[in-house]
Amino acid sequence: MSIDPRGTVISTILRHDAKTTSYKIALIRAINDVALAFPDVGNGQAVAIPLRVLAEYWLAYYWPFADQHLPIWQGPRNRRREGVAQDMAFRPELTALKLEWEALWQMPAAPSDGFVVVNEMRVSRRRAQYPPSLVRAYYEALQAIAKTIEMPIRYAGPGNWSVFPRPARFDSLQQPVTALPGTQPADRCLVVKPEVWFLFRQLSLWIEALCIHQWALFTESVDPTDGRRVHRGQVYKLLTDRPGNRRPLTWERNEVELLILEGHTFTCLWTRKRIAAGVPYDLDHLVPVSIYPFNEMWNLAPTDPHFNQHVKRDRLPSPERLAVAQPILAQTYTTYGRLPSLREALREDSVQRFLSVSSPADITPERIASAAARFIEQLATARNIARF
């Protein structure tokens, strides 16, 4: 495998490729985020990424630019006989989704709410809590974005299909390839060569920083037809906004509370305090939502509220703390399994995240805890995140 340790191919796409829209930048950023979000995929093989997964990231990135009254243009809007062409092929669908979201909550959407929407829609039990009109608008936006993504895939690099091959159905791929967890036979997939995937895994932090920098510069350079030009600093702020935990974990907490009321106990991963009936606790995100907004069951554990709020906060554990916490985490998952609804939620969320627990024999508390610990360690290392 030929390795480009400096990431020249990625740097060239971001810095020197011709761009009429920000699509190429969004494509590279999305692949980079996928490489980080699925840590046990690859291992020397090409990786198949469903276009719908890339579309989820695009939805979150472009969300703050799709304001109905103050849109931020992502390319030229050429005048045609039938009217003014959209700068983003999916702007109407994304704007419609944003309006549905704002109508539901009766307040303006935050720039990072796109990440919240995607996180809510990924998990079936949370998706079921939303009105059908919003769910329908979400899938219409996702479909429009997935169709658009094929354009930058084709034109990335010199010529056509020079860096990435033409997307194809997963069940038609001939070469040895590893699919993301949850990939379906009919999914149209982007195949990333092993040497390019290696670059994304090794240079994740640098790639994200370059993507955001180039995106801010590009958006500032777009000549607006309405005379309203935006500054790169404003764009940078929108692209780096991260969600707080604004969506309550009502269902998850109620299920954990039911276990406690039935006499089951938990142990705090970080302080080893016993959590039983009458003892206050937080349902802690192991990976904080400010880093990645996962409301998946493997990422939630009852913990000591004082430690969670005043010590852990938005940091990740040190390798030593993580090693001590892993068997406690496995016991937490075992206790979740005492309740059929929580057992199914843990199974569903883990299978969609970790390749190492994709078969029924692998779905054990110990294997899930091991996969979660590896993910946390790789994430902390790749992003140089503060530890506690």
Protein backbone atom coordinates (compact mmCIF):
# COMPACT_ATOMS: atom_id res chain seq x y z
CA MET A 1 0.00 0.00 0.00
CA SER A 2 1.45 3.33 -1.09
CA ILE A 3 1.18 5.88 1.73
CA ASP A 4 1.14 9.66 1.32
CA PRO A 5 2.10 10.73 4.87
CA ARG A 6 1.57 14.42 4.17
CA GLY A 7 -1.93 14.01 2.80
CA THR A 8 -1.04 15.64 -0.51
CA VAL A 9 -4.07 14.28 -2.35
CA ILE A 10 -6.45 15.67 0.27
CA SER A 11 -4.63 18.99 0.55
CA THR A 12 -4.71 19.41 -3.22
CA ILE A 13 -8.48 18.87 -3.37
CA LEU A 14 -9.08 21.39 -0.59
CA ARG A 15 -6.60 24.06 -1.66
CA HIS A 16 -6.19 23.83 -5.41
CA ASP A 17 -9.16 22.06 -7.03
CA ALA A 18 -11.50 24.34 -8.96
CA LYS A 19 -14.64 25.02 -6.94
CA THR A 20 -17.92 26.64 -7.91
CA THR A 21 -19.59 25.40 -4.70
CA SER A 22 -18.37 24.20 -1.31
CA TYR A 23 -19.31 20.59 -2.19
CA LYS A 24 -15.76 19.24 -2.44
CA ILE A 25 -14.86 20.68 0.95
CA ALA A 26 -18.00 19.17 2.49
CA LEU A 27 -17.18 15.79 0.92
CA ILE A 28 -13.69 15.67 2.43
CA ARG A 29 -14.94 16.80 5.82
CA ALA A 30 -17.70 14.17 5.79
CA ILE A 31 -15.32 11.31 4.94
CA ASN A 32 -13.03 12.56 7.70
CA ASP A 33 -15.88 12.53 10.22
CA VAL A 34 -16.96 9.04 9.12
CA ALA A 35 -13.41 7.72 9.60
CA LEU A 36 -13.49 9.06 13.14
CA ALA A 37 -17.04 7.93 13.97
CA PHE A 38 -16.48 4.29 12.95
CA PRO A 39 -13.10 3.45 14.48
CA ASP A 40 -12.94 -0.29 13.83
CA VAL A 41 -13.55 -0.07 10.08
CA GLY A 42 -10.74 -0.40 7.56
CA ASN A 43 -7.72 -2.39 8.71
CA GLY A 44 -5.99 -2.32 5.34
CA GLN A 45 -9.08 -2.80 3.17
CA ALA A 46 -11.04 -0.33 1.08
CA VAL A 47 -14.06 1.09 2.91
CA ALA A 48 -17.60 1.39 1.51
CA ILE A 49 -19.51 4.40 2.84
CA PRO A 50 -23.24 4.61 1.99
CA LEU A 51 -24.04 7.96 0.41
CA ARG A 52 -26.89 8.33 2.92
CA VAL A 53 -24.30 8.38 5.74
CA LEU A 54 -22.30 11.13 4.03
CA ALA A 55 -25.59 12.95 3.45
CA GLU A 56 -26.27 12.97 7.20
CA TYR A 57 -23.06 14.90 7.79
CA TRP A 58 -23.80 17.28 4.92
CA LEU A 59 -27.21 17.99 6.43
CA ALA A 60 -25.53 19.03 9.68
CA TYR A 61 -22.81 21.12 7.95
CA TYR A 62 -25.14 23.03 5.62
CA TRP A 63 -27.93 23.48 8.18
CA PRO A 64 -26.85 26.98 9.36
CA PHE A 65 -26.64 28.19 5.74
CA ALA A 66 -30.26 27.23 4.94
CA ASP A 67 -32.07 30.06 6.71
CA GLN A 68 -35.26 31.05 4.91
CA HIS A 69 -34.80 34.79 5.42
CA LEU A 70 -31.00 35.16 5.67
CA PRO A 71 -29.49 32.39 3.53
CA ILE A 72 -25.74 32.13 3.24
CA TRP A 73 -24.89 31.31 -0.36
CA GLN A 74 -22.60 28.40 -1.15
CA GLY A 75 -22.01 29.16 -4.81
CA PRO A 76 -23.25 31.36 -7.66
CA ARG A 77 -26.96 31.72 -8.37
CA ASN A 78 -27.19 32.00 -12.13
CA ARG A 79 -30.22 33.65 -13.65
CA ARG A 80 -32.20 31.47 -16.04
CA ARG A 81 -35.42 31.89 -17.97
CA GLU A 82 -37.34 29.95 -15.36
CA GLY A 83 -35.85 31.98 -12.51
CA VAL A 84 -32.72 32.02 -10.35
CA ALA A 85 -30.92 28.69 -9.96
CA GLN A 86 -30.14 27.48 -6.46
CA ASP A 87 -26.55 27.61 -5.21
CA MET A 88 -27.19 24.25 -3.46
CA ALA A 89 -29.26 21.66 -5.29
CA PHE A 90 -30.82 20.58 -1.99
CA ARG A 91 -31.45 24.03 -0.50
CA PRO A 92 -35.28 23.83 -0.88
CA GLU A 93 -35.48 20.48 0.92
CA LEU A 94 -33.07 21.48 3.69
CA THR A 95 -34.85 24.80 4.23
CA ALA A 96 -38.20 22.97 4.45
CA LEU A 97 -36.78 20.61 7.08
CA LYS A 98 -35.41 23.52 9.09
CA LEU A 99 -38.82 25.23 9.02
CA GLU A 100 -40.45 22.01 10.29
CA TRP A 101 -37.93 21.85 13.14
CA GLU A 102 -38.46 25.48 14.12
CA ALA A 103 -42.25 25.09 13.99
CA LEU A 104 -42.03 22.08 16.30
CA TRP A 105 -40.03 23.92 18.96
CA GLN A 106 -41.50 27.39 18.33
CA MET A 107 -38.08 29.02 18.28
CA PRO A 108 -35.26 29.74 15.83
CA ALA A 109 -32.93 26.83 15.17
CA ALA A 110 -29.40 26.94 16.53
CA PRO A 111 -26.53 26.58 14.01
CA SER A 112 -25.67 23.15 15.41
CA ASP A 113 -29.24 21.85 15.46
CA GLY A 114 -28.51 19.98 12.24
CA PHE A 115 -26.33 17.63 14.29
CA VAL A 116 -29.17 17.26 16.80
CA VAL A 117 -31.69 16.42 14.06
CA VAL A 118 -29.42 13.77 12.54
CA ASN A 119 -28.71 12.25 15.94
CA GLU A 120 -32.43 12.09 16.74
CA MET A 121 -33.37 10.57 13.39
CA ARG A 122 -30.63 7.91 13.46
CA VAL A 123 -32.11 6.20 16.52
CA SER A 124 -35.47 4.53 15.84
CA ARG A 125 -36.88 4.96 19.37
CA ARG A 126 -36.14 8.70 19.28
CA ARG A 127 -37.29 9.14 15.68
CA ALA A 128 -40.67 7.67 16.66
CA GLN A 129 -41.25 10.62 19.02
CA TYR A 130 -41.41 13.15 16.15
CA PRO A 131 -44.36 14.10 13.92
CA PRO A 132 -44.53 12.31 10.55
CA SER A 133 -44.21 15.61 8.66
CA LEU A 134 -40.78 16.28 10.19
CA VAL A 135 -39.57 12.73 9.61
CA ARG A 136 -40.75 12.92 6.00
CA ALA A 137 -39.00 16.29 5.49
CA TYR A 138 -35.81 14.80 6.95
CA TYR A 139 -35.73 11.90 4.52
CA GLU A 140 -36.57 14.14 1.57
CA ALA A 141 -33.62 16.39 2.48
CA LEU A 142 -31.35 13.38 2.94
CA GLN A 143 -32.34 11.95 -0.44
CA ALA A 144 -31.70 15.26 -2.21
CA ILE A 145 -28.31 15.62 -0.55
CA ALA A 146 -27.27 12.04 -1.33
CA LYS A 147 -27.99 12.66 -4.99
CA THR A 148 -25.93 15.86 -4.96
CA ILE A 149 -22.91 14.20 -3.31
CA GLU A 150 -22.12 12.27 -6.48
CA MET A 151 -20.98 15.51 -8.16
CA PRO A 152 -17.95 16.29 -5.95
CA ILE A 153 -17.07 12.58 -5.84
CA ARG A 154 -16.75 12.64 -9.61
CA TYR A 155 -14.74 15.86 -9.91
CA ALA A 156 -12.44 15.55 -6.87
CA GLY A 157 -8.85 15.65 -8.12
CA PRO A 158 -7.69 15.86 -11.75
CA GLY A 159 -10.22 14.61 -14.29
CA ASN A 160 -13.25 12.42 -13.51
CA TRP A 161 -13.30 9.70 -10.84
CA SER A 162 -9.55 10.09 -10.32
CA VAL A 163 -9.50 10.03 -6.50
CA PHE A 164 -12.77 8.24 -5.80
CA PRO A 165 -14.47 5.69 -8.10
CA ARG A 166 -18.05 6.07 -9.26
CA PRO A 167 -20.47 5.14 -6.40
CA ALA A 168 -22.18 1.78 -6.82
CA ARG A 169 -24.57 -0.48 -4.96
CA PHE A 170 -22.84 -2.34 -2.18
CA ASP A 171 -23.97 -5.73 -3.48
CA SER A 172 -22.33 -5.00 -6.85
CA LEU A 173 -18.84 -4.20 -5.51
CA GLN A 174 -16.24 -6.71 -6.69
CA GLN A 175 -13.09 -5.75 -4.76
CA PRO A 176 -12.49 -6.78 -1.13
CA VAL A 177 -14.16 -4.00 0.83
CA THR A 178 -15.25 -3.33 4.41
CA ALA A 179 -18.68 -1.78 4.81
CA LEU A 180 -19.74 0.56 7.57
CA PRO A 181 -21.98 -1.06 10.19
CA GLY A 182 -25.59 -0.98 9.02
CA THR A 183 -24.78 -0.91 5.30
CA GLN A 184 -27.56 -2.50 3.23
CA PRO A 185 -27.05 -4.45 -0.04
CA ALA A 186 -28.94 -1.80 -2.07
CA ASP A 187 -27.06 1.19 -0.59
CA ARG A 188 -25.11 3.23 -3.13
CA CYS A 189 -21.65 3.53 -1.66
CA LEU A 190 -18.53 5.59 -2.04
CA VAL A 191 -15.48 3.34 -1.92
CA VAL A 192 -12.43 4.88 -0.26
CA LYS A 193 -9.11 3.24 -1.10
CA PRO A 194 -7.18 1.86 1.91
CA GLU A 195 -4.30 4.31 1.50
CA VAL A 196 -6.71 7.27 1.42
CA TRP A 197 -8.67 5.92 4.41
CA PHE A 198 -5.33 5.64 6.27
CA LEU A 199 -4.75 9.36 5.64
CA PHE A 200 -8.10 10.30 7.13
CA ARG A 201 -7.42 8.18 10.20
CA GLN A 202 -3.94 9.58 10.75
CA LEU A 203 -4.50 13.24 9.85
CA SER A 204 -8.03 13.73 11.17
CA LEU A 205 -7.45 16.89 13.20
CA TRP A 206 -5.40 18.58 10.46
CA ILE A 207 -7.94 17.68 7.77
CA GLU A 208 -10.87 19.07 9.75
CA ALA A 209 -9.02 22.33 10.46
CA LEU A 210 -8.08 22.75 6.79
CA CYS A 211 -11.65 21.96 5.68
CA ILE A 212 -13.15 24.59 7.96
CA HIS A 213 -10.53 27.18 7.01
CA GLN A 214 -11.00 26.65 3.27
CA TRP A 215 -14.79 26.57 3.63
CA ALA A 216 -14.79 29.90 5.47
CA LEU A 217 -12.56 31.46 2.80
CA PHE A 218 -14.70 30.08 -0.02
CA THR A 219 -18.00 31.28 1.45
CA GLU A 220 -16.59 34.75 2.03
CA SER A 221 -15.58 34.85 -1.66
CA VAL A 222 -19.06 34.02 -3.00
CA ASP A 223 -20.54 37.06 -4.74
CA PRO A 224 -24.05 37.37 -3.31
CA THR A 225 -26.86 38.43 -5.66
CA ASP A 226 -28.53 40.21 -2.75
CA GLY A 227 -25.44 42.28 -1.88
CA ARG A 228 -25.10 40.68 1.55
CA ARG A 229 -21.58 39.31 1.85
CA VAL A 230 -20.55 37.33 4.95
CA HIS A 231 -17.21 37.47 6.74
CA ARG A 232 -15.05 34.37 7.07
CA GLY A 233 -15.17 34.69 10.87
CA GLN A 234 -18.95 34.36 10.84
CA VAL A 235 -18.71 31.26 8.64
CA TYR A 236 -16.03 29.74 10.88
CA LYS A 237 -18.25 30.21 13.92
CA LEU A 238 -21.19 28.51 12.18
CA LEU A 239 -19.07 25.57 11.00
CA THR A 240 -17.59 24.93 14.44
CA ASP A 241 -20.74 25.34 16.53
CA ARG A 242 -21.42 22.20 18.55
CA PRO A 243 -24.68 21.21 20.23
CA GLY A 244 -25.22 21.22 23.94
CA ASN A 245 -27.38 18.50 25.43
CA ARG A 246 -30.61 20.29 24.54
CA ARG A 247 -32.64 17.13 23.88
CA PRO A 248 -33.73 15.47 27.12
CA LEU A 249 -32.97 11.78 27.62
CA THR A 250 -36.45 11.18 29.00
CA TRP A 251 -36.97 7.66 27.65
CA GLU A 252 -33.46 6.47 28.53
CA ARG A 253 -33.58 7.92 32.03
CA ASN A 254 -37.04 6.46 32.69
CA GLU A 255 -35.80 3.01 31.70
CA VAL A 256 -32.73 3.28 33.95
CA GLU A 257 -34.93 4.56 36.79
CA LEU A 258 -37.21 1.55 36.37
CA LEU A 259 -34.24 -0.78 36.81
CA ILE A 260 -33.20 1.05 39.98
CA LEU A 261 -36.73 0.91 41.38
CA GLU A 262 -36.72 -2.85 40.75
CA GLY A 263 -33.69 -3.12 43.04
CA HIS A 264 -30.84 -3.14 40.53
CA THR A 265 -27.80 -0.99 41.24
CA PHE A 266 -25.12 0.69 39.17
CA THR A 267 -21.55 1.73 39.91
CA CYS A 268 -20.18 5.09 38.78
CA LEU A 269 -17.49 4.48 36.16
CA TRP A 270 -15.28 7.24 37.51
CA THR A 271 -15.74 7.29 41.31
CA ARG A 272 -17.01 3.72 41.94
CA LYS A 273 -19.85 5.14 44.03
CA ARG A 274 -22.88 2.87 44.29
CA ILE A 275 -26.00 4.21 42.55
CA ALA A 276 -29.23 2.80 44.00
CA ALA A 277 -32.74 3.96 44.83
CA GLY A 278 -32.72 7.47 46.30
CA VAL A 279 -29.13 8.22 45.19
CA PRO A 280 -28.80 11.16 42.76
CA TYR A 281 -27.10 10.38 39.45
CA ASP A 282 -26.47 11.80 35.99
CA LEU A 283 -26.96 9.83 32.82
CA ASP A 284 -23.52 10.69 31.51
CA HIS A 285 -22.47 10.82 27.86
CA LEU A 286 -19.17 8.93 27.78
CA VAL A 287 -18.32 10.88 24.62
CA PRO A 288 -19.64 14.38 25.42
CA VAL A 289 -22.20 15.82 23.02
CA SER A 290 -19.87 18.77 22.44
CA ILE A 291 -17.44 16.33 20.79
CA TYR A 292 -19.91 14.01 19.06
CA PRO A 293 -23.69 14.14 19.68
CA PHE A 294 -24.32 10.43 20.28
CA ASN A 295 -27.46 9.69 22.30
CA GLU A 296 -26.83 6.01 21.66
CA MET A 297 -27.32 3.65 24.60
CA TRP A 298 -23.71 2.40 24.68
CA ASN A 299 -22.67 6.04 25.23
CA LEU A 300 -24.87 6.55 28.31
CA ALA A 301 -24.07 5.42 31.85
CA PRO A 302 -25.29 6.45 35.33
CA THR A 303 -22.54 8.37 37.10
CA ASP A 304 -21.90 10.52 40.15
CA PRO A 305 -23.42 13.94 39.30
CA HIS A 306 -20.78 16.02 41.09
CA PHE A 307 -17.92 14.30 39.30
CA ASN A 308 -19.71 14.45 35.96
CA GLN A 309 -20.54 18.15 36.20
CA HIS A 310 -17.39 19.47 37.89
CA VAL A 311 -14.55 17.12 36.91
CA LYS A 312 -15.37 15.19 33.73
CA ARG A 313 -17.48 17.84 31.98
CA ASP A 314 -16.57 17.84 28.25
CA ARG A 315 -13.35 15.82 28.62
CA LEU A 316 -12.48 12.19 27.94
CA PRO A 317 -10.86 9.78 30.41
CA SER A 318 -7.15 9.10 30.53
CA PRO A 319 -6.00 5.64 29.40
CA GLU A 320 -5.62 4.63 33.05
CA ARG A 321 -9.13 5.75 34.02
CA LEU A 322 -10.55 4.11 30.92
CA ALA A 323 -8.91 0.78 31.75
CA VAL A 324 -10.40 0.85 35.26
CA ALA A 325 -13.83 1.90 33.93
CA GLN A 326 -14.14 -0.73 31.19
CA PRO A 327 -15.22 -3.70 33.38
CA ILE A 328 -17.61 -1.41 35.28
CA LEU A 329 -19.06 -0.31 31.93
CA ALA A 330 -19.54 -3.96 30.96
CA GLN A 331 -21.46 -4.49 34.20
CA THR A 332 -23.59 -1.41 33.42
CA TYR A 333 -24.49 -2.94 30.05
CA THR A 334 -25.26 -6.25 31.78
CA THR A 335 -27.72 -4.44 34.03
CA TYR A 336 -29.29 -2.74 31.02
CA GLY A 337 -29.92 -6.24 29.70
CA ARG A 338 -32.25 -6.97 32.63
CA LEU A 339 -34.88 -4.84 30.89
CA PRO A 340 -35.92 -6.04 27.38
CA SER A 341 -36.43 -2.51 26.04
CA LEU A 342 -32.98 -1.35 27.18
CA ARG A 343 -31.35 -4.57 26.00
CA GLU A 344 -32.77 -4.01 22.51
CA ALA A 345 -31.77 -0.33 22.50
CA LEU A 346 -28.20 -1.23 23.48
CA ARG A 347 -28.07 -3.94 20.82
CA GLU A 348 -29.46 -1.71 18.06
CA ASP A 349 -27.19 1.24 18.85
CA SER A 350 -24.04 -0.89 19.19
CA VAL A 351 -24.59 -2.82 15.94
CA GLN A 352 -25.00 0.47 14.07
CA ARG A 353 -21.75 1.87 15.51
CA PHE A 354 -19.20 -0.95 15.96
CA LEU A 355 -18.16 -3.46 13.33
CA SER A 356 -16.70 -5.71 16.04
CA VAL A 357 -20.17 -6.44 17.48
CA SER A 358 -22.01 -6.92 14.19
CA SER A 359 -22.83 -10.62 14.63
CA PRO A 360 -25.23 -11.97 17.31
CA ALA A 361 -22.45 -13.95 19.02
CA ASP A 362 -20.43 -10.74 19.47
CA ILE A 363 -23.20 -8.71 21.12
CA THR A 364 -22.14 -9.19 24.72
CA PRO A 365 -21.67 -6.55 27.42
CA GLU A 366 -17.92 -7.25 27.50
CA ARG A 367 -17.51 -6.90 23.72
CA ILE A 368 -19.56 -3.71 23.59
CA ALA A 369 -17.59 -2.21 26.51
CA SER A 370 -14.33 -3.13 24.77
CA ALA A 371 -15.50 -1.51 21.52
CA ALA A 372 -16.65 1.63 23.35
CA ALA A 373 -13.33 1.92 25.23
CA ARG A 374 -11.33 1.57 21.99
CA PHE A 375 -13.49 4.20 20.36
CA ILE A 376 -13.01 6.66 23.21
CA GLU A 377 -9.24 6.15 23.23
CA GLN A 378 -8.90 6.52 19.46
CA LEU A 379 -11.10 9.61 19.47
CA ALA A 380 -9.10 11.24 22.26
CA THR A 381 -5.81 10.52 20.47
CA ALA A 382 -6.98 11.58 16.99
CA ARG A 383 -8.47 14.88 18.18
CA ASN A 384 -6.04 15.66 21.01
CA ILE A 385 -8.98 16.09 23.38
CA ALA A 386 -8.39 17.12 27.00
CA ARG A 387 -8.39 14.16 29.42
CA PHE A 388 -9.30 13.78 33.09
